[in-house]
Amino acid sequence: MGPLIAEGYGQLTDRHLVVYLGRARGSVLETIGHMRKALNERFISTSEHSELAGMYDHIGRMLTRWINYLQRCDWKTRG
């Protein structure tokens, strides 16, 4: 997730940045799914799952707000 955000921020336009932020958000959702499976297989406890899933959910929401902001602005460059 982090490398995707960093790589996206290095792009020349906000539209390109949004693509990378979307991929990072997808990674967040994938990680939440893996944590759910780890919980079901008892590799992590319920409290660990709750704490980590909460943090990842928060990150996903922040990414969504950032993506929505950039799409509303529709800036072609960061100038």
C-alpha atoms as a PDB file:
ATOM      1  CA  MET A   1       0.000   0.000   0.000  1.00  0.00           C
ATOM      2  CA  GLY A   2       2.648   2.549   1.036  1.00  0.00           C
ATOM      3  CA  PRO A   3       4.790   2.079  -2.068  1.00  0.00           C
ATOM      4  CA  LEU A   4       1.709   2.540  -4.262  1.00  0.00           C
ATOM      5  CA  ILE A   5       0.926   5.869  -2.624  1.00  0.00           C
ATOM      6  CA  ALA A   6       4.544   7.007  -2.935  1.00  0.00           C
ATOM      7  CA  GLU A   7       4.721   5.910  -6.563  1.00  0.00           C
ATOM      8  CA  GLY A   8       1.412   7.591  -7.325  1.00  0.00           C
ATOM      9  CA  TYR A   9       2.526  10.834  -5.743  1.00  0.00           C
ATOM     10  CA  GLY A  10       5.454  10.829  -8.132  1.00  0.00           C
ATOM     11  CA  GLN A  11       3.119  10.921 -11.134  1.00  0.00           C
ATOM     12  CA  LEU A  12       2.755  14.098 -13.140  1.00  0.00           C
ATOM     13  CA  THR A  13      -1.009  14.512 -12.861  1.00  0.00           C
ATOM     14  CA  ASP A  14      -3.617  14.047 -10.169  1.00  0.00           C
ATOM     15  CA  ARG A  15      -5.546  11.757 -12.499  1.00  0.00           C
ATOM     16  CA  HIS A  16      -2.577   9.399 -12.527  1.00  0.00           C
ATOM     17  CA  LEU A  17      -2.243   9.729  -8.757  1.00  0.00           C
ATOM     18  CA  VAL A  18      -5.885   8.636  -8.384  1.00  0.00           C
ATOM     19  CA  VAL A  19      -5.105   5.380 -10.217  1.00  0.00           C
ATOM     20  CA  TYR A  20      -2.399   4.537  -7.688  1.00  0.00           C
ATOM     21  CA  LEU A  21      -4.564   5.566  -4.747  1.00  0.00           C
ATOM     22  CA  GLY A  22      -7.270   3.246  -6.065  1.00  0.00           C
ATOM     23  CA  ARG A  23      -4.770   0.401  -6.176  1.00  0.00           C
ATOM     24  CA  ALA A  24      -3.690   1.205  -2.621  1.00  0.00           C
ATOM     25  CA  ARG A  25      -7.339   1.130  -1.526  1.00  0.00           C
ATOM     26  CA  GLY A  26      -7.689  -2.255  -3.211  1.00  0.00           C
ATOM     27  CA  SER A  27      -4.676  -3.475  -1.238  1.00  0.00           C
ATOM     28  CA  VAL A  28      -6.351  -2.281   1.950  1.00  0.00           C
ATOM     29  CA  LEU A  29      -9.473  -4.290   1.154  1.00  0.00           C
ATOM     30  CA  GLU A  30      -7.387  -7.323   0.252  1.00  0.00           C
ATOM     31  CA  THR A  31      -5.501  -7.087   3.540  1.00  0.00           C
ATOM     32  CA  ILE A  32      -8.757  -6.856   5.494  1.00  0.00           C
ATOM     33  CA  GLY A  33      -9.887 -10.039   3.724  1.00  0.00           C
ATOM     34  CA  HIS A  34      -6.649 -11.814   4.632  1.00  0.00           C
ATOM     35  CA  MET A  35      -7.046 -10.729   8.246  1.00  0.00           C
ATOM     36  CA  ARG A  36     -10.586 -12.116   8.276  1.00  0.00           C
ATOM     37  CA  LYS A  37      -9.247 -15.437   7.021  1.00  0.00           C
ATOM     38  CA  ALA A  38      -6.453 -15.355   9.625  1.00  0.00           C
ATOM     39  CA  LEU A  39      -9.081 -14.800  12.304  1.00  0.00           C
ATOM     40  CA  ASN A  40     -11.194 -17.695  11.029  1.00  0.00           C
ATOM     41  CA  GLU A  41      -8.126 -19.954  11.037  1.00  0.00           C
ATOM     42  CA  ARG A  42      -7.268 -18.696  14.546  1.00  0.00           C
ATOM     43  CA  PHE A  43      -3.894 -17.272  13.528  1.00  0.00           C
ATOM     44  CA  ILE A  44      -4.869 -13.978  15.170  1.00  0.00           C
ATOM     45  CA  SER A  45      -7.174 -13.206  18.068  1.00  0.00           C
ATOM     46  CA  THR A  46     -10.458 -11.363  17.862  1.00  0.00           C
ATOM     47  CA  SER A  47      -8.929  -8.346  19.563  1.00  0.00           C
ATOM     48  CA  GLU A  48      -5.974  -8.306  17.136  1.00  0.00           C
ATOM     49  CA  HIS A  49      -8.360  -8.551  14.213  1.00  0.00           C
ATOM     50  CA  SER A  50     -10.570  -5.761  15.552  1.00  0.00           C
ATOM     51  CA  GLU A  51      -7.649  -3.429  16.136  1.00  0.00           C
ATOM     52  CA  LEU A  52      -5.950  -4.076  12.794  1.00  0.00           C
ATOM     53  CA  ALA A  53      -9.161  -4.136  10.759  1.00  0.00           C
ATOM     54  CA  GLY A  54     -10.165  -0.838  12.357  1.00  0.00           C
ATOM     55  CA  MET A  55      -6.879   0.776  11.383  1.00  0.00           C
ATOM     56  CA  TYR A  56      -7.056  -0.544   7.823  1.00  0.00           C
ATOM     57  CA  ASP A  57     -10.683   0.532   7.528  1.00  0.00           C
ATOM     58  CA  HIS A  58      -9.662   4.039   8.619  1.00  0.00           C
ATOM     59  CA  ILE A  59      -6.861   4.105   6.034  1.00  0.00           C
ATOM     60  CA  GLY A  60      -9.287   2.934   3.348  1.00  0.00           C
ATOM     61  CA  ARG A  61     -11.725   5.706   4.234  1.00  0.00           C
ATOM     62  CA  MET A  62      -8.957   8.307   4.091  1.00  0.00           C
ATOM     63  CA  LEU A  63      -7.899   7.033   0.664  1.00  0.00           C
ATOM     64  CA  THR A  64     -11.498   7.179  -0.534  1.00  0.00           C
ATOM     65  CA  ARG A  65     -11.850  10.795   0.615  1.00  0.00           C
ATOM     66  CA  TRP A  66      -8.565  11.728  -1.057  1.00  0.00           C
ATOM     67  CA  ILE A  67      -9.629  10.052  -4.301  1.00  0.00           C
ATOM     68  CA  ASN A  68     -13.021  11.788  -4.223  1.00  0.00           C
ATOM     69  CA  TYR A  69     -11.368  15.154  -3.592  1.00  0.00           C
ATOM     70  CA  LEU A  70      -8.980  14.751  -6.510  1.00  0.00           C
ATOM     71  CA  GLN A  71     -11.801  13.649  -8.800  1.00  0.00           C
ATOM     72  CA  ARG A  72     -13.934  16.653  -7.824  1.00  0.00           C
ATOM     73  CA  CYS A  73     -11.049  19.068  -8.432  1.00  0.00           C
ATOM     74  CA  ASP A  74     -10.246  17.423 -11.768  1.00  0.00           C
ATOM     75  CA  TRP A  75      -6.880  19.169 -11.921  1.00  0.00           C
ATOM     76  CA  LYS A  76      -4.815  18.207 -14.915  1.00  0.00           C
ATOM     77  CA  THR A  77      -1.507  18.978 -13.193  1.00  0.00           C
ATOM     78  CA  ARG A  78      -0.332  19.735  -9.694  1.00  0.00           C
ATOM     79  CA  GLY A  79       1.361  22.987 -10.885  1.00  0.00           C
END
